Amino acid sequence: MEDLLINVTEIEEWQTIGDESSLNRLFKKARVHAIGGGTIILIRKNKDGSSYAFDKLSNEADLEEYRKKVYKYI
């Protein structure tokens, strides 16, 4: 199974504008991926177009912990 890449810059934008529907869709997709045994890679994209991975979530519990942190700021 391929890794699922999550761009945290998008998450931060959705938090800022309060776009819960986009966050809900993303976390639903990520949950299905985690349950299926996939790894979720958190990446940050730079203004120059490059990106780098800074964390990975390898199970549903890790994803849920991250989800709670994200929704805390809405």
Protein backbone atom coordinates (compact mmCIF):
# COMPACT_ATOMS: atom_id res chain seq x y z
CA MET A 1 0.00 0.00 0.00
CA GLU A 2 1.29 3.44 -0.89
CA ASP A 3 1.79 6.12 1.74
CA LEU A 4 -0.85 8.81 2.06
CA LEU A 5 0.70 12.28 1.99
CA ILE A 6 -1.02 15.02 3.98
CA ASN A 7 0.00 18.61 3.33
CA VAL A 8 -0.22 20.37 6.70
CA THR A 9 -0.15 23.76 4.98
CA GLU A 10 -3.62 22.96 3.60
CA ILE A 11 -4.78 21.85 7.04
CA GLU A 12 -3.60 25.14 8.52
CA GLU A 13 -5.47 27.06 5.81
CA TRP A 14 -8.66 25.10 6.50
CA GLN A 15 -8.26 25.75 10.22
CA THR A 16 -7.91 29.48 9.57
CA ILE A 17 -11.08 29.71 7.50
CA GLY A 18 -13.00 27.14 9.57
CA ASP A 19 -13.48 24.69 6.69
CA GLU A 20 -14.57 21.67 8.71
CA SER A 21 -16.00 19.83 5.70
CA SER A 22 -12.58 19.69 4.01
CA LEU A 23 -10.97 18.56 7.26
CA ASN A 24 -13.65 15.91 7.74
CA ARG A 25 -13.09 14.54 4.21
CA LEU A 26 -9.33 14.45 4.71
CA PHE A 27 -9.47 12.69 8.07
CA LYS A 28 -12.07 10.19 6.81
CA LYS A 29 -9.76 9.28 3.93
CA ALA A 30 -6.78 9.07 6.29
CA ARG A 31 -8.68 6.87 8.74
CA VAL A 32 -9.59 4.39 6.00
CA HIS A 33 -5.95 4.39 4.91
CA ALA A 34 -4.70 3.78 8.47
CA ILE A 35 -7.20 0.98 9.09
CA GLY A 36 -6.01 -0.65 5.87
CA GLY A 37 -2.47 -0.73 7.22
CA GLY A 38 -1.09 2.26 5.34
CA THR A 39 1.25 4.94 6.64
CA ILE A 40 0.29 8.60 6.66
CA ILE A 41 3.13 11.03 6.02
CA LEU A 42 2.78 14.64 7.17
CA ILE A 43 4.54 17.00 4.77
CA ARG A 44 5.04 20.74 4.56
CA LYS A 45 5.30 22.45 1.19
CA ASN A 46 7.59 25.44 0.87
CA LYS A 47 6.88 28.53 -1.21
CA ASP A 48 9.45 27.42 -3.76
CA GLY A 49 7.45 24.25 -4.45
CA SER A 50 9.69 21.87 -2.57
CA SER A 51 8.33 19.78 0.27
CA TYR A 52 9.64 17.77 3.16
CA ALA A 53 8.23 15.09 5.44
CA PHE A 54 8.41 15.82 9.14
CA ASP A 55 6.25 13.16 10.76
CA LYS A 56 4.48 9.90 10.03
CA LEU A 57 1.42 8.30 11.53
CA SER A 58 1.43 4.54 11.35
CA ASN A 59 -1.81 3.59 13.06
CA GLU A 60 -5.33 4.77 13.79
CA ALA A 61 -4.50 5.87 17.35
CA ASP A 62 -1.72 8.19 16.12
CA LEU A 63 -4.09 9.64 13.53
CA GLU A 64 -6.81 10.24 16.13
CA GLU A 65 -4.34 12.05 18.38
CA TYR A 66 -3.29 14.28 15.48
CA ARG A 67 -6.94 14.88 14.48
CA LYS A 68 -7.76 16.10 18.00
CA LYS A 69 -4.86 18.56 17.85
CA VAL A 70 -6.09 19.91 14.52
CA TYR A 71 -9.72 20.33 15.58
CA LYS A 72 -8.63 22.01 18.81
CA TYR A 73 -7.83 25.14 16.81
CA ILE A 74 -11.16 25.52 15.00
